Amino acid sequence: MNKELDALLASGLVQVPEDFSERVMRKINRLPIPAPKQIWRDKLQWLVLTGTAALGIVELFSFVFGIWTATAAY
């Protein structure tokens, strides 16, 4: 199998054109500049996620405390 692979590689099936890198760089330079990342939006999303998680934890503990209060009363 190695001999077959070496023969395939030596046959030169794929040849890169001489101006390949220049054409690629021209196309890259023509691409539009990406929009700047909105950092405030990311921070706001993390703030909302953290607040929601905190509210959920408070609700969970109040539920558990209510069940404990109801079962501990004589």
C-alpha atoms as a PDB file:
ATOM      1  CA  MET A   1       0.000   0.000   0.000  1.00  0.00           C
ATOM      2  CA  ASN A   2       2.849   2.419   0.727  1.00  0.00           C
ATOM      3  CA  LYS A   3       4.248   1.867  -2.770  1.00  0.00           C
ATOM      4  CA  GLU A   4       0.864   2.675  -4.295  1.00  0.00           C
ATOM      5  CA  LEU A   5       0.566   5.799  -2.189  1.00  0.00           C
ATOM      6  CA  ASP A   6       4.079   6.922  -3.071  1.00  0.00           C
ATOM      7  CA  ALA A   7       3.372   6.345  -6.766  1.00  0.00           C
ATOM      8  CA  LEU A   8       0.169   8.365  -6.513  1.00  0.00           C
ATOM      9  CA  LEU A   9       1.944  11.231  -4.792  1.00  0.00           C
ATOM     10  CA  ALA A  10       4.785  11.159  -7.305  1.00  0.00           C
ATOM     11  CA  SER A  11       2.438  11.191 -10.300  1.00  0.00           C
ATOM     12  CA  GLY A  12       1.592  14.858  -9.728  1.00  0.00           C
ATOM     13  CA  LEU A  13      -2.170  14.606 -10.078  1.00  0.00           C
ATOM     14  CA  VAL A  14      -2.668  17.908  -8.296  1.00  0.00           C
ATOM     15  CA  GLN A  15      -0.536  20.865  -9.242  1.00  0.00           C
ATOM     16  CA  VAL A  16      -0.927  24.259  -7.668  1.00  0.00           C
ATOM     17  CA  PRO A  17      -0.967  27.151 -10.147  1.00  0.00           C
ATOM     18  CA  GLU A  18       1.827  29.682  -9.886  1.00  0.00           C
ATOM     19  CA  ASP A  19      -0.476  32.588  -9.063  1.00  0.00           C
ATOM     20  CA  PHE A  20      -2.563  30.691  -6.505  1.00  0.00           C
ATOM     21  CA  SER A  21      -1.492  32.681  -3.448  1.00  0.00           C
ATOM     22  CA  GLU A  22      -1.986  36.025  -5.220  1.00  0.00           C
ATOM     23  CA  ARG A  23      -5.518  35.084  -6.305  1.00  0.00           C
ATOM     24  CA  VAL A  24      -6.429  33.906  -2.816  1.00  0.00           C
ATOM     25  CA  MET A  25      -5.078  37.087  -1.216  1.00  0.00           C
ATOM     26  CA  ARG A  26      -6.999  39.269  -3.720  1.00  0.00           C
ATOM     27  CA  LYS A  27     -10.229  37.483  -2.847  1.00  0.00           C
ATOM     28  CA  ILE A  28      -9.521  37.814   0.865  1.00  0.00           C
ATOM     29  CA  ASN A  29      -8.863  41.531   0.490  1.00  0.00           C
ATOM     30  CA  ARG A  30     -12.215  41.965  -1.325  1.00  0.00           C
ATOM     31  CA  LEU A  31     -14.194  40.424   1.529  1.00  0.00           C
ATOM     32  CA  PRO A  32     -16.229  42.864   3.614  1.00  0.00           C
ATOM     33  CA  ILE A  33     -14.907  43.802   7.033  1.00  0.00           C
ATOM     34  CA  PRO A  34     -16.893  41.968   9.730  1.00  0.00           C
ATOM     35  CA  ALA A  35     -19.072  44.039  12.011  1.00  0.00           C
ATOM     36  CA  PRO A  36     -17.539  44.842  15.396  1.00  0.00           C
ATOM     37  CA  LYS A  37     -18.621  42.541  18.180  1.00  0.00           C
ATOM     38  CA  GLN A  38     -21.137  44.049  20.540  1.00  0.00           C
ATOM     39  CA  ILE A  39     -19.540  43.549  23.936  1.00  0.00           C
ATOM     40  CA  TRP A  40     -22.367  45.225  25.844  1.00  0.00           C
ATOM     41  CA  ARG A  41     -24.838  42.726  24.464  1.00  0.00           C
ATOM     42  CA  ASP A  42     -22.749  39.784  25.677  1.00  0.00           C
ATOM     43  CA  LYS A  43     -22.439  41.329  29.135  1.00  0.00           C
ATOM     44  CA  LEU A  44     -26.168  41.972  29.268  1.00  0.00           C
ATOM     45  CA  GLN A  45     -26.916  38.364  28.316  1.00  0.00           C
ATOM     46  CA  TRP A  46     -24.632  37.067  31.093  1.00  0.00           C
ATOM     47  CA  LEU A  47     -26.220  39.487  33.573  1.00  0.00           C
ATOM     48  CA  VAL A  48     -29.721  38.274  32.654  1.00  0.00           C
ATOM     49  CA  LEU A  49     -28.630  34.643  32.864  1.00  0.00           C
ATOM     50  CA  THR A  50     -27.039  35.179  36.289  1.00  0.00           C
ATOM     51  CA  GLY A  51     -30.086  37.045  37.590  1.00  0.00           C
ATOM     52  CA  THR A  52     -32.441  34.355  36.356  1.00  0.00           C
ATOM     53  CA  ALA A  53     -30.328  31.615  37.949  1.00  0.00           C
ATOM     54  CA  ALA A  54     -30.257  33.521  41.259  1.00  0.00           C
ATOM     55  CA  LEU A  55     -34.026  34.002  41.171  1.00  0.00           C
ATOM     56  CA  GLY A  56     -34.514  30.307  40.438  1.00  0.00           C
ATOM     57  CA  ILE A  57     -32.293  29.318  43.365  1.00  0.00           C
ATOM     58  CA  VAL A  58     -34.216  31.641  45.705  1.00  0.00           C
ATOM     59  CA  GLU A  59     -37.516  30.147  44.536  1.00  0.00           C
ATOM     60  CA  LEU A  60     -36.200  26.618  45.020  1.00  0.00           C
ATOM     61  CA  PHE A  61     -35.015  27.322  48.567  1.00  0.00           C
ATOM     62  CA  SER A  62     -38.293  29.053  49.473  1.00  0.00           C
ATOM     63  CA  PHE A  63     -40.199  26.019  48.183  1.00  0.00           C
ATOM     64  CA  VAL A  64     -38.037  23.635  50.209  1.00  0.00           C
ATOM     65  CA  PHE A  65     -38.362  25.888  53.284  1.00  0.00           C
ATOM     66  CA  GLY A  66     -42.166  25.933  52.870  1.00  0.00           C
ATOM     67  CA  ILE A  67     -42.318  22.151  52.699  1.00  0.00           C
ATOM     68  CA  TRP A  68     -40.049  21.871  55.736  1.00  0.00           C
ATOM     69  CA  THR A  69     -42.204  24.359  57.655  1.00  0.00           C
ATOM     70  CA  ALA A  70     -45.408  22.501  56.776  1.00  0.00           C
ATOM     71  CA  THR A  71     -44.047  19.092  57.772  1.00  0.00           C
ATOM     72  CA  ALA A  72     -42.313  20.292  60.944  1.00  0.00           C
ATOM     73  CA  ALA A  73     -45.424  21.922  62.415  1.00  0.00           C
ATOM     74  CA  TYR A  74     -47.240  19.852  65.043  1.00  0.00           C
END
